[in-house]
C-alpha atoms as a PDB file:
ATOM      1  CA  UNK A   1      -4.062 -69.984 -29.812  1.00  0.00           C
ATOM      2  CA  UNK A   2      -3.918 -66.311 -28.974  1.00  0.00           C
ATOM      3  CA  UNK A   3      -2.193 -63.954 -31.335  1.00  0.00           C
ATOM      4  CA  UNK A   4       0.629 -61.909 -29.926  1.00  0.00           C
ATOM      5  CA  UNK A   5      -0.181 -58.285 -29.216  1.00  0.00           C
ATOM      6  CA  UNK A   6       1.082 -55.911 -31.871  1.00  0.00           C
ATOM      7  CA  UNK A   7       3.765 -53.700 -30.300  1.00  0.00           C
ATOM      8  CA  UNK A   8       5.896 -51.930 -32.925  1.00  0.00           C
ATOM      9  CA  UNK A   9       7.338 -49.294 -30.607  1.00  0.00           C
ATOM     10  CA  UNK A  10      10.438 -51.329 -29.808  1.00  0.00           C
ATOM     11  CA  UNK A  11      11.181 -51.958 -33.468  1.00  0.00           C
ATOM     12  CA  UNK A  12      10.591 -48.289 -34.288  1.00  0.00           C
ATOM     13  CA  UNK A  13      13.005 -47.190 -31.587  1.00  0.00           C
ATOM     14  CA  UNK A  14      15.676 -49.646 -32.747  1.00  0.00           C
ATOM     15  CA  UNK A  15      15.239 -48.565 -36.378  1.00  0.00           C
ATOM     16  CA  UNK A  16      15.535 -44.919 -35.374  1.00  0.00           C
ATOM     17  CA  UNK A  17      18.780 -45.601 -33.531  1.00  0.00           C
ATOM     18  CA  UNK A  18      20.196 -47.440 -36.557  1.00  0.00           C
ATOM     19  CA  UNK A  19      19.138 -44.598 -38.851  1.00  0.00           C
ATOM     20  CA  UNK A  20      20.739 -41.979 -36.611  1.00  0.00           C
ATOM     21  CA  UNK A  21      23.955 -44.003 -36.391  1.00  0.00           C
ATOM     22  CA  UNK A  22      24.239 -44.324 -40.171  1.00  0.00           C
ATOM     23  CA  UNK A  23      23.619 -40.609 -40.641  1.00  0.00           C
ATOM     24  CA  UNK A  24      26.258 -39.816 -38.024  1.00  0.00           C
ATOM     25  CA  UNK A  25      28.817 -42.057 -39.768  1.00  0.00           C
ATOM     26  CA  UNK A  26      28.138 -40.542 -43.197  1.00  0.00           C
ATOM     27  CA  UNK A  27      28.270 -37.027 -41.762  1.00  0.00           C
ATOM     28  CA  UNK A  28      31.602 -37.701 -40.065  1.00  0.00           C
ATOM     29  CA  UNK A  29      33.173 -38.912 -43.308  1.00  0.00           C
ATOM     30  CA  UNK A  30      31.863 -35.911 -45.230  1.00  0.00           C
ATOM     31  CA  UNK A  31      33.091 -33.406 -42.629  1.00  0.00           C
ATOM     32  CA  UNK A  32      36.511 -35.071 -42.520  1.00  0.00           C
ATOM     33  CA  UNK A  33      36.863 -34.773 -46.292  1.00  0.00           C
ATOM     34  CA  UNK A  34      35.690 -31.167 -46.388  1.00  0.00           C
ATOM     35  CA  UNK A  35      37.992 -30.030 -43.580  1.00  0.00           C
ATOM     36  CA  UNK A  36      41.005 -31.533 -45.356  1.00  0.00           C
ATOM     37  CA  UNK A  37      40.665 -28.766 -47.947  1.00  0.00           C
ATOM     38  CA  UNK A  38      41.413 -26.033 -45.380  1.00  0.00           C
ATOM     39  CA  UNK A  39      44.688 -25.197 -43.626  1.00  0.00           C
ATOM     40  CA  UNK A  40      45.021 -26.264 -40.021  1.00  0.00           C
ATOM     41  CA  UNK A  41      45.047 -22.636 -38.819  1.00  0.00           C
ATOM     42  CA  UNK A  42      41.877 -21.625 -40.753  1.00  0.00           C
ATOM     43  CA  UNK A  43      39.824 -21.968 -37.605  1.00  0.00           C
ATOM     44  CA  UNK A  44      36.796 -19.960 -38.670  1.00  0.00           C
ATOM     45  CA  UNK A  45      36.407 -21.742 -42.022  1.00  0.00           C
ATOM     46  CA  UNK A  46      36.839 -25.135 -40.429  1.00  0.00           C
ATOM     47  CA  UNK A  47      34.229 -24.411 -37.760  1.00  0.00           C
ATOM     48  CA  UNK A  48      31.714 -23.082 -40.313  1.00  0.00           C
ATOM     49  CA  UNK A  49      32.178 -26.017 -42.673  1.00  0.00           C
ATOM     50  CA  UNK A  50      31.977 -28.465 -39.786  1.00  0.00           C
ATOM     51  CA  UNK A  51      28.635 -26.954 -38.800  1.00  0.00           C
ATOM     52  CA  UNK A  52      27.512 -27.135 -42.434  1.00  0.00           C
ATOM     53  CA  UNK A  53      28.270 -30.861 -42.501  1.00  0.00           C
ATOM     54  CA  UNK A  54      26.314 -31.350 -39.294  1.00  0.00           C
ATOM     55  CA  UNK A  55      23.348 -29.480 -40.770  1.00  0.00           C
ATOM     56  CA  UNK A  56      23.340 -31.762 -43.809  1.00  0.00           C
ATOM     57  CA  UNK A  57      23.222 -34.746 -41.477  1.00  0.00           C
ATOM     58  CA  UNK A  58      20.454 -33.069 -39.474  1.00  0.00           C
ATOM     59  CA  UNK A  59      18.533 -32.621 -42.725  1.00  0.00           C
ATOM     60  CA  UNK A  60      18.551 -36.375 -43.220  1.00  0.00           C
ATOM     61  CA  UNK A  61      17.021 -36.691 -39.760  1.00  0.00           C
ATOM     62  CA  UNK A  62      14.477 -33.936 -40.375  1.00  0.00           C
ATOM     63  CA  UNK A  63      13.027 -35.348 -43.578  1.00  0.00           C
ATOM     64  CA  UNK A  64      11.478 -38.487 -42.015  1.00  0.00           C
ATOM     65  CA  UNK A  65      10.080 -36.415 -39.163  1.00  0.00           C
ATOM     66  CA  UNK A  66       8.529 -33.962 -41.631  1.00  0.00           C
ATOM     67  CA  UNK A  67       7.034 -36.785 -43.682  1.00  0.00           C
ATOM     68  CA  UNK A  68       5.626 -38.377 -40.548  1.00  0.00           C
ATOM     69  CA  UNK A  69       4.156 -35.316 -38.839  1.00  0.00           C
ATOM     70  CA  UNK A  70       4.027 -32.332 -41.209  1.00  0.00           C
ATOM     71  CA  UNK A  71       3.568 -33.099 -44.896  1.00  0.00           C
ATOM     72  CA  UNK A  72      -0.033 -34.275 -45.071  1.00  0.00           C
ATOM     73  CA  UNK A  73      -1.322 -32.587 -48.242  1.00  0.00           C
ATOM     74  CA  UNK A  74      -0.726 -34.756 -51.334  1.00  0.00           C
ATOM     75  CA  UNK A  75       1.434 -32.390 -53.401  1.00  0.00           C
ATOM     76  CA  UNK A  76       3.412 -31.250 -50.372  1.00  0.00           C
ATOM     77  CA  UNK A  77       4.110 -34.805 -49.285  1.00  0.00           C
ATOM     78  CA  UNK A  78       5.092 -35.966 -52.779  1.00  0.00           C
ATOM     79  CA  UNK A  79       7.541 -33.089 -53.252  1.00  0.00           C
ATOM     80  CA  UNK A  80       9.064 -33.666 -49.810  1.00  0.00           C
ATOM     81  CA  UNK A  81       9.477 -37.383 -50.528  1.00  0.00           C
ATOM     82  CA  UNK A  82      11.232 -36.693 -53.838  1.00  0.00           C
ATOM     83  CA  UNK A  83      13.554 -34.143 -52.234  1.00  0.00           C
ATOM     84  CA  UNK A  84      14.302 -36.605 -49.439  1.00  0.00           C
ATOM     85  CA  UNK A  85      15.414 -39.364 -51.791  1.00  0.00           C
ATOM     86  CA  UNK A  86      17.478 -36.944 -53.887  1.00  0.00           C
ATOM     87  CA  UNK A  87      19.311 -35.824 -50.750  1.00  0.00           C
ATOM     88  CA  UNK A  88      19.776 -39.456 -49.783  1.00  0.00           C
ATOM     89  CA  UNK A  89      21.478 -40.037 -53.152  1.00  0.00           C
ATOM     90  CA  UNK A  90      23.704 -36.997 -52.494  1.00  0.00           C
ATOM     91  CA  UNK A  91      24.663 -38.395 -49.107  1.00  0.00           C
ATOM     92  CA  UNK A  92      25.410 -41.825 -50.593  1.00  0.00           C
ATOM     93  CA  UNK A  93      27.728 -40.464 -53.293  1.00  0.00           C
ATOM     94  CA  UNK A  94      29.421 -38.038 -50.906  1.00  0.00           C
ATOM     95  CA  UNK A  95      29.999 -40.821 -48.393  1.00  0.00           C
ATOM     96  CA  UNK A  96      31.699 -43.051 -50.962  1.00  0.00           C
ATOM     97  CA  UNK A  97      33.804 -40.199 -52.345  1.00  0.00           C
ATOM     98  CA  UNK A  98      34.757 -39.062 -48.846  1.00  0.00           C
ATOM     99  CA  UNK A  99      35.906 -42.539 -47.927  1.00  0.00           C
ATOM    100  CA  UNK A 100      37.933 -42.915 -51.153  1.00  0.00           C
ATOM    101  CA  UNK A 101      39.610 -39.514 -50.760  1.00  0.00           C
ATOM    102  CA  UNK A 102      40.500 -40.119 -47.122  1.00  0.00           C
ATOM    103  CA  UNK A 103      41.712 -43.611 -47.969  1.00  0.00           C
ATOM    104  CA  UNK A 104      43.956 -42.200 -50.693  1.00  0.00           C
ATOM    105  CA  UNK A 105      45.437 -39.538 -48.387  1.00  0.00           C
ATOM    106  CA  UNK A 106      46.118 -41.881 -45.499  1.00  0.00           C
ATOM    107  CA  UNK A 107      47.108 -45.149 -47.216  1.00  0.00           C
ATOM    108  CA  UNK A 108      48.310 -44.137 -50.665  1.00  0.00           C
ATOM    109  CA  UNK A 109      45.347 -45.786 -52.324  1.00  0.00           C
ATOM    110  CA  UNK A 110      44.881 -44.736 -55.950  1.00  0.00           C
ATOM    111  CA  UNK A 111      41.658 -42.770 -55.911  1.00  0.00           C
ATOM    112  CA  UNK A 112      39.526 -43.313 -59.036  1.00  0.00           C
ATOM    113  CA  UNK A 113      39.544 -40.379 -61.416  1.00  0.00           C
ATOM    114  CA  UNK A 114      35.786 -39.884 -61.210  1.00  0.00           C
ATOM    115  CA  UNK A 115      36.010 -39.495 -57.436  1.00  0.00           C
ATOM    116  CA  UNK A 116      38.824 -36.947 -57.776  1.00  0.00           C
ATOM    117  CA  UNK A 117      36.778 -34.994 -60.314  1.00  0.00           C
ATOM    118  CA  UNK A 118      33.640 -35.144 -58.188  1.00  0.00           C
ATOM    119  CA  UNK A 119      35.266 -34.164 -54.890  1.00  0.00           C
ATOM    120  CA  UNK A 120      35.087 -30.353 -55.395  1.00  0.00           C
ATOM    121  CA  UNK A 121      31.385 -30.608 -56.238  1.00  0.00           C
ATOM    122  CA  UNK A 122      30.513 -32.585 -53.120  1.00  0.00           C
ATOM    123  CA  UNK A 123      29.921 -29.327 -51.227  1.00  0.00           C
ATOM    124  CA  UNK A 124      26.914 -28.743 -53.483  1.00  0.00           C
ATOM    125  CA  UNK A 125      25.045 -30.813 -50.917  1.00  0.00           C
ATOM    126  CA  UNK A 126      25.010 -27.706 -48.719  1.00  0.00           C
ATOM    127  CA  UNK A 127      23.239 -25.646 -51.359  1.00  0.00           C
ATOM    128  CA  UNK A 128      20.896 -28.508 -52.175  1.00  0.00           C
ATOM    129  CA  UNK A 129      19.844 -28.809 -48.535  1.00  0.00           C
ATOM    130  CA  UNK A 130      19.066 -25.098 -48.521  1.00  0.00           C
ATOM    131  CA  UNK A 131      17.016 -25.347 -51.731  1.00  0.00           C
ATOM    132  CA  UNK A 132      15.229 -28.527 -50.617  1.00  0.00           C
ATOM    133  CA  UNK A 133      13.949 -27.141 -47.333  1.00  0.00           C
ATOM    134  CA  UNK A 134      13.119 -23.809 -48.912  1.00  0.00           C
ATOM    135  CA  UNK A 135      10.939 -25.685 -51.384  1.00  0.00           C
ATOM    136  CA  UNK A 136       9.288 -27.688 -48.615  1.00  0.00           C
ATOM    137  CA  UNK A 137       8.346 -24.486 -46.802  1.00  0.00           C
ATOM    138  CA  UNK A 138       7.115 -22.775 -49.967  1.00  0.00           C
ATOM    139  CA  UNK A 139       4.881 -25.743 -50.809  1.00  0.00           C
ATOM    140  CA  UNK A 140       3.380 -25.803 -47.336  1.00  0.00           C
ATOM    141  CA  UNK A 141      -0.441 -25.549 -47.692  1.00  0.00           C
ATOM    142  CA  UNK A 142      -0.555 -23.010 -44.881  1.00  0.00           C
ATOM    143  CA  UNK A 143       1.825 -20.814 -46.856  1.00  0.00           C
ATOM    144  CA  UNK A 144      -0.383 -21.193 -49.914  1.00  0.00           C
ATOM    145  CA  UNK A 145      -3.455 -20.198 -47.921  1.00  0.00           C
ATOM    146  CA  UNK A 146      -1.652 -17.161 -46.568  1.00  0.00           C
ATOM    147  CA  UNK A 147      -0.615 -16.108 -50.056  1.00  0.00           C
ATOM    148  CA  UNK A 148      -4.158 -16.560 -51.377  1.00  0.00           C
ATOM    149  CA  UNK A 149      -5.579 -14.523 -48.505  1.00  0.00           C
ATOM    150  CA  UNK A 150      -3.118 -11.710 -49.182  1.00  0.00           C
ATOM    151  CA  UNK A 151      -3.884 -11.850 -52.891  1.00  0.00           C
ATOM    152  CA  UNK A 152      -7.609 -11.647 -52.143  1.00  0.00           C
ATOM    153  CA  UNK A 153      -7.045  -8.634 -49.874  1.00  0.00           C
ATOM    154  CA  UNK A 154      -5.008  -6.850 -52.536  1.00  0.00           C
ATOM    155  CA  UNK A 155      -7.629  -7.554 -55.193  1.00  0.00           C
ATOM    156  CA  UNK A 156     -10.379  -6.330 -52.862  1.00  0.00           C
ATOM    157  CA  UNK A 157      -8.562  -3.054 -52.210  1.00  0.00           C
ATOM    158  CA  UNK A 158      -7.934  -2.605 -55.951  1.00  0.00           C
ATOM    159  CA  UNK A 159     -11.635  -3.056 -56.724  1.00  0.00           C
ATOM    160  CA  UNK A 160     -12.611  -0.629 -53.955  1.00  0.00           C
ATOM    161  CA  UNK A 161     -10.172   1.941 -55.365  1.00  0.00           C
ATOM    162  CA  UNK A 162     -11.637   1.464 -58.854  1.00  0.00           C
ATOM    163  CA  UNK A 163     -15.157   2.003 -57.525  1.00  0.00           C
ATOM    164  CA  UNK A 164     -14.009   5.134 -55.732  1.00  0.00           C
ATOM    165  CA  UNK A 165     -12.622   6.508 -58.970  1.00  0.00           C
ATOM    166  CA  UNK A 166     -15.875   5.707 -60.761  1.00  0.00           C
ATOM    167  CA  UNK A 167     -17.833   7.515 -58.050  1.00  0.00           C
ATOM    168  CA  UNK A 168     -15.538  10.554 -58.090  1.00  0.00           C
ATOM    169  CA  UNK A 169     -15.955  10.888 -61.850  1.00  0.00           C
ATOM    170  CA  UNK A 170     -19.754  10.535 -61.653  1.00  0.00           C
ATOM    171  CA  UNK A 171     -22.390  13.264 -61.266  1.00  0.00           C
ATOM    172  CA  UNK A 172     -23.151  12.097 -57.737  1.00  0.00           C
ATOM    173  CA  UNK A 173     -19.484  12.247 -56.877  1.00  0.00           C
ATOM    174  CA  UNK A 174     -19.169  15.818 -58.133  1.00  0.00           C
ATOM    175  CA  UNK A 175     -22.165  16.838 -56.011  1.00  0.00           C
ATOM    176  CA  UNK A 176     -20.658  15.277 -52.880  1.00  0.00           C
ATOM    177  CA  UNK A 177     -17.290  16.901 -53.619  1.00  0.00           C
ATOM    178  CA  UNK A 178     -19.035  20.274 -54.058  1.00  0.00           C
ATOM    179  CA  UNK A 179     -20.819  19.881 -50.724  1.00  0.00           C
ATOM    180  CA  UNK A 180     -17.637  18.928 -48.909  1.00  0.00           C
ATOM    181  CA  UNK A 181     -15.666  21.749 -50.546  1.00  0.00           C
ATOM    182  CA  UNK A 182     -18.385  24.273 -49.662  1.00  0.00           C
ATOM    183  CA  UNK A 183     -18.441  23.199 -46.030  1.00  0.00           C
ATOM    184  CA  UNK A 184     -14.653  23.306 -45.874  1.00  0.00           C
ATOM    185  CA  UNK A 185     -14.549  26.788 -47.409  1.00  0.00           C
ATOM    186  CA  UNK A 186     -17.143  28.083 -44.956  1.00  0.00           C
ATOM    187  CA  UNK A 187     -15.232  26.648 -42.037  1.00  0.00           C
ATOM    188  CA  UNK A 188     -11.787  27.716 -43.222  1.00  0.00           C
ATOM    189  CA  UNK A 189     -12.713  31.235 -44.321  1.00  0.00           C
ATOM    190  CA  UNK A 190     -15.350  32.106 -41.708  1.00  0.00           C
ATOM    191  CA  UNK A 191     -15.072  35.877 -40.964  1.00  0.00           C
ATOM    192  CA  UNK A 192     -15.222  35.095 -37.252  1.00  0.00           C
ATOM    193  CA  UNK A 193     -11.818  33.422 -37.566  1.00  0.00           C
ATOM    194  CA  UNK A 194     -10.219  36.678 -38.753  1.00  0.00           C
ATOM    195  CA  UNK A 195     -11.541  39.045 -36.042  1.00  0.00           C
ATOM    196  CA  UNK A 196      -8.938  40.591 -33.776  1.00  0.00           C
ATOM    197  CA  UNK A 197      -9.594  42.398 -30.486  1.00  0.00           C
ATOM    198  CA  UNK A 198      -8.670  46.054 -30.876  1.00  0.00           C
ATOM    199  CA  UNK A 199      -6.968  47.967 -28.049  1.00  0.00           C
ATOM    200  CA  UNK A 200      -7.064  51.642 -27.149  1.00  0.00           C
ATOM    201  CA  UNK A 201      -3.913  53.588 -27.713  1.00  0.00           C
ATOM    202  CA  UNK A 202      -1.822  53.881 -24.570  1.00  0.00           C
ATOM    203  CA  UNK A 203      -3.929  51.446 -22.561  1.00  0.00           C
ATOM    204  CA  UNK A 204      -1.932  48.700 -20.910  1.00  0.00           C
ATOM    205  CA  UNK A 205      -2.997  45.132 -21.250  1.00  0.00           C
ATOM    206  CA  UNK A 206      -5.424  44.119 -18.579  1.00  0.00           C
ATOM    207  CA  UNK A 207      -6.693  47.692 -18.019  1.00  0.00           C
ATOM    208  CA  UNK A 208     -10.340  48.094 -18.848  1.00  0.00           C
ATOM    209  CA  UNK A 209     -10.968  51.480 -20.544  1.00  0.00           C
ATOM    210  CA  UNK A 210     -13.877  53.627 -19.475  1.00  0.00           C
ATOM    211  CA  UNK A 211     -17.078  53.194 -21.387  1.00  0.00           C
ATOM    212  CA  UNK A 212     -17.453  55.407 -24.406  1.00  0.00           C
ATOM    213  CA  UNK A 213     -20.623  57.060 -23.027  1.00  0.00           C
ATOM    214  CA  UNK A 214     -19.162  57.958 -19.628  1.00  0.00           C
ATOM    215  CA  UNK A 215     -18.962  61.736 -18.818  1.00  0.00           C
ATOM    216  CA  UNK A 216     -15.653  63.420 -19.146  1.00  0.00           C
ATOM    217  CA  UNK A 217     -14.161  64.304 -15.778  1.00  0.00           C
ATOM    218  CA  UNK A 218     -12.192  67.540 -15.834  1.00  0.00           C
ATOM    219  CA  UNK A 219      -8.745  67.481 -14.334  1.00  0.00           C
ATOM    220  CA  UNK A 220      -8.589  69.376 -11.032  1.00  0.00           C
ATOM    221  CA  UNK A 221      -6.121  72.218 -10.711  1.00  0.00           C
ATOM    222  CA  UNK A 222      -3.180  71.595  -8.507  1.00  0.00           C
ATOM    223  CA  UNK A 223      -3.574  73.448  -5.119  1.00  0.00           C
ATOM    224  CA  UNK A 224      -0.756  75.815  -4.220  1.00  0.00           C
ATOM    225  CA  UNK A 225       1.887  74.502  -1.928  1.00  0.00           C
ATOM    226  CA  UNK A 226       1.328  75.479   1.710  1.00  0.00           C
ATOM    227  CA  UNK A 227       5.031  75.956   2.281  1.00  0.00           C
ATOM    228  CA  UNK A 228       6.242  79.580   2.024  1.00  0.00           C
ATOM    229  CA  UNK A 229       8.608  80.557  -0.702  1.00  0.00           C
ATOM    230  CA  UNK A 230      12.131  81.724   0.031  1.00  0.00           C
ATOM    231  CA  UNK A 231      11.248  85.287  -1.173  1.00  0.00           C
ATOM    232  CA  UNK A 232       8.460  85.606   1.391  1.00  0.00           C
ATOM    233  CA  UNK A 233      10.784  84.685   4.230  1.00  0.00           C
ATOM    234  CA  UNK A 234      13.174  87.338   3.228  1.00  0.00           C
END
């Protein structure tokens, strides 16, 4: 007798559909209860709170996926599992309270006092979802490794800075500082940097003056004008 081949994919798919349907039903009840607290014309508040209810339902879908594919490290997986079951308890209580409140508003059913007292606190599920997933991300081993690497870098730079201070305060450090300061002074205050080209008085820029040892050329007298004067013509 041959054993039947093990094929769990069909059962997994069916279970996933059932899970999604239950989450959708619980989310619908919760959103209906929350929206009843807002006026009909408070469109923005109603849209935001409706999205918040959908995100809480999406969180219930995200937890199994995270446990199946993401949370491998022992501590990370344990914390995620605990947070998942706590949120499941939140969803269970909120679903019952939502149904009782809606039943009381639509049929006149006498809502138990504990449900009436709990109703305002049901929105704490929104904050819990935020805190739960924030914790899951903070406990991620990759995040821990990143933090350790950054801490190691900071410690390394601190130790290097301490060693630099020790060197600066040592005899060898003073000698190096003296050498660097001397070279800087020589470069900064080199007399060649302060020379300025002098110009002869009255010489335009671009005109090259005659050499200092050139002979002096006497100015020639002006020859008389060849034109006769008016007195001579008379």
